[in-house]
C-alpha atoms as a PDB file:
ATOM      1  CA  MET A   1      23.719 -27.954  -7.585  1.00  0.00           C
ATOM      2  CA  PHE A   2      26.004 -25.796  -6.932  1.00  0.00           C
ATOM      3  CA  SER A   3      25.161 -23.722  -3.380  1.00  0.00           C
ATOM      4  CA  LYS A   4      26.206 -23.299   0.725  1.00  0.00           C
ATOM      5  CA  PHE A   5      22.138 -23.907   1.274  1.00  0.00           C
ATOM      6  CA  GLU A   6      18.945 -25.582  -0.003  1.00  0.00           C
ATOM      7  CA  PHE A   7      15.744 -24.664  -1.405  1.00  0.00           C
ATOM      8  CA  ASP A   8      14.655 -24.565   1.937  1.00  0.00           C
ATOM      9  CA  GLY A   9      17.312 -22.333   3.076  1.00  0.00           C
ATOM     10  CA  LYS A  10      19.190 -25.168   5.161  1.00  0.00           C
ATOM     11  CA  LEU A  11      22.400 -26.187   4.308  1.00  0.00           C
ATOM     12  CA  ASN A  12      23.642 -27.886   1.343  1.00  0.00           C
ATOM     13  CA  PRO A  13      24.875 -31.050   3.052  1.00  0.00           C
ATOM     14  CA  THR A  14      26.558 -32.098  -0.073  1.00  0.00           C
ATOM     15  CA  PHE A  15      28.273 -28.465  -0.616  1.00  0.00           C
ATOM     16  CA  VAL A  16      32.812 -28.390   0.034  1.00  0.00           C
ATOM     17  CA  GLU A  17      34.068 -24.716  -0.239  1.00  0.00           C
ATOM     18  CA  GLY A  18      36.622 -23.985  -3.001  1.00  0.00           C
ATOM     19  CA  ALA A  19      37.543 -22.373  -6.248  1.00  0.00           C
ATOM     20  CA  PHE A  20      34.332 -21.714  -8.641  1.00  0.00           C
ATOM     21  CA  LYS A  21      34.208 -20.186 -12.029  1.00  0.00           C
ATOM     22  CA  LEU A  22      31.010 -18.649 -13.912  1.00  0.00           C
ATOM     23  CA  PRO A  23      33.057 -17.964 -17.382  1.00  0.00           C
ATOM     24  CA  LEU A  24      30.434 -16.529 -19.889  1.00  0.00           C
ATOM     25  CA  SER A  25      30.824 -16.043 -23.168  1.00  0.00           C
ATOM     26  CA  SER A  26      28.144 -12.707 -23.495  1.00  0.00           C
ATOM     27  CA  ILE A  27      24.733 -10.962 -21.452  1.00  0.00           C
ATOM     28  CA  ARG A  28      21.833  -9.970 -23.394  1.00  0.00           C
ATOM     29  CA  ALA A  29      18.861  -9.834 -22.236  1.00  0.00           C
ATOM     30  CA  TYR A  30      15.098 -10.636 -24.181  1.00  0.00           C
ATOM     31  CA  LEU A  31      14.191  -7.375 -25.806  1.00  0.00           C
ATOM     32  CA  LYS A  32      15.531  -6.382 -28.649  1.00  0.00           C
ATOM     33  CA  LYS A  33      14.165  -2.574 -28.222  1.00  0.00           C
ATOM     34  CA  PRO A  34      12.586  -2.303 -24.526  1.00  0.00           C
ATOM     35  CA  ILE A  35       8.878  -1.532 -24.088  1.00  0.00           C
ATOM     36  CA  THR A  36       8.346   1.855 -22.557  1.00  0.00           C
ATOM     37  CA  PRO A  37       4.989   3.023 -21.512  1.00  0.00           C
ATOM     38  CA  ARG A  38       3.249   5.076 -24.680  1.00  0.00           C
ATOM     39  CA  PHE A  39       0.609   6.796 -22.948  1.00  0.00           C
ATOM     40  CA  VAL A  40      -0.686   6.847 -19.053  1.00  0.00           C
ATOM     41  CA  HIS A  41      -4.624   7.001 -18.580  1.00  0.00           C
ATOM     42  CA  LEU A  42      -5.597   8.052 -15.794  1.00  0.00           C
ATOM     43  CA  GLY A  43      -8.766   8.607 -14.049  1.00  0.00           C
ATOM     44  CA  SER A  44      -9.776  11.848 -11.722  1.00  0.00           C
ATOM     45  CA  ALA A  45     -10.715   9.005  -9.275  1.00  0.00           C
ATOM     46  CA  GLY A  46      -7.856   9.966  -5.910  1.00  0.00           C
ATOM     47  CA  ALA A  47      -7.075  13.362  -7.830  1.00  0.00           C
ATOM     48  CA  THR A  48      -8.517  15.601  -5.228  1.00  0.00           C
ATOM     49  CA  ARG A  49      -7.563  13.378  -2.621  1.00  0.00           C
ATOM     50  CA  PRO A  50      -3.746  14.087  -2.060  1.00  0.00           C
ATOM     51  CA  ASP A  51      -3.701  17.236  -0.506  1.00  0.00           C
ATOM     52  CA  ARG A  52      -6.840  17.111   1.691  1.00  0.00           C
ATOM     53  CA  PRO A  53      -6.093  17.956   5.293  1.00  0.00           C
ATOM     54  CA  GLY A  54      -6.462  15.714   8.237  1.00  0.00           C
ATOM     55  CA  LEU A  55      -6.619  13.393   5.388  1.00  0.00           C
ATOM     56  CA  ASP A  56      -5.393   9.112   7.281  1.00  0.00           C
ATOM     57  CA  LEU A  57      -3.446   7.658   3.940  1.00  0.00           C
ATOM     58  CA  SER A  58      -3.896   4.355   5.095  1.00  0.00           C
ATOM     59  CA  LYS A  59      -7.420   4.230   4.783  1.00  0.00           C
ATOM     60  CA  GLN A  60      -7.097   5.461   1.303  1.00  0.00           C
ATOM     61  CA  PRO A  61      -6.365   3.324  -1.970  1.00  0.00           C
ATOM     62  CA  PRO A  62      -2.600   2.851  -3.160  1.00  0.00           C
ATOM     63  CA  ALA A  63      -2.368   5.354  -5.824  1.00  0.00           C
ATOM     64  CA  VAL A  64      -3.824   8.637  -3.096  1.00  0.00           C
ATOM     65  CA  ARG A  65      -0.786   6.113  -0.406  1.00  0.00           C
ATOM     66  CA  LEU A  66       1.626   6.693  -3.473  1.00  0.00           C
ATOM     67  CA  ASN A  67       1.310   9.937  -4.997  1.00  0.00           C
ATOM     68  CA  LYS A  68       5.129  10.964  -3.524  1.00  0.00           C
ATOM     69  CA  GLU A  69       7.055   7.869  -4.805  1.00  0.00           C
ATOM     70  CA  LEU A  70       4.796   8.123  -8.359  1.00  0.00           C
ATOM     71  CA  ASP A  71       5.900  11.354  -8.214  1.00  0.00           C
ATOM     72  CA  PHE A  72       2.901  13.258  -7.290  1.00  0.00           C
ATOM     73  CA  ILE A  73       1.021  11.798 -10.221  1.00  0.00           C
ATOM     74  CA  LEU A  74      -2.184  12.658  -9.030  1.00  0.00           C
ATOM     75  CA  THR A  75      -1.455  15.634  -8.215  1.00  0.00           C
ATOM     76  CA  PHE A  76      -0.017  16.816 -11.706  1.00  0.00           C
ATOM     77  CA  LYS A  77      -3.719  15.497 -12.139  1.00  0.00           C
ATOM     78  CA  LEU A  78      -5.351  17.683 -10.749  1.00  0.00           C
ATOM     79  CA  LYS A  79      -3.618  20.328 -11.936  1.00  0.00           C
ATOM     80  CA  VAL A  80      -5.275  18.863 -15.505  1.00  0.00           C
ATOM     81  CA  SER A  81      -8.418  19.062 -15.112  1.00  0.00           C
ATOM     82  CA  TYR A  82      -9.007  21.962 -13.489  1.00  0.00           C
END
């Protein structure tokens, strides 16, 4: 192992500073084709919650708390459902 640190985070006692090379002939991914979602199922649970005034997000399910990070998916669900 050529590392300055051990698995436990402590310094490697056999580490010697110096030049290091890692020659590569190629880099490949494991999959030939990327797997992309074919559909996304959106249940109605939580769809009406994100825009409620005074909503305490800390007490809501993860999907409600992360609506903004999930590109407002619950807001979209609400618009197409009602």
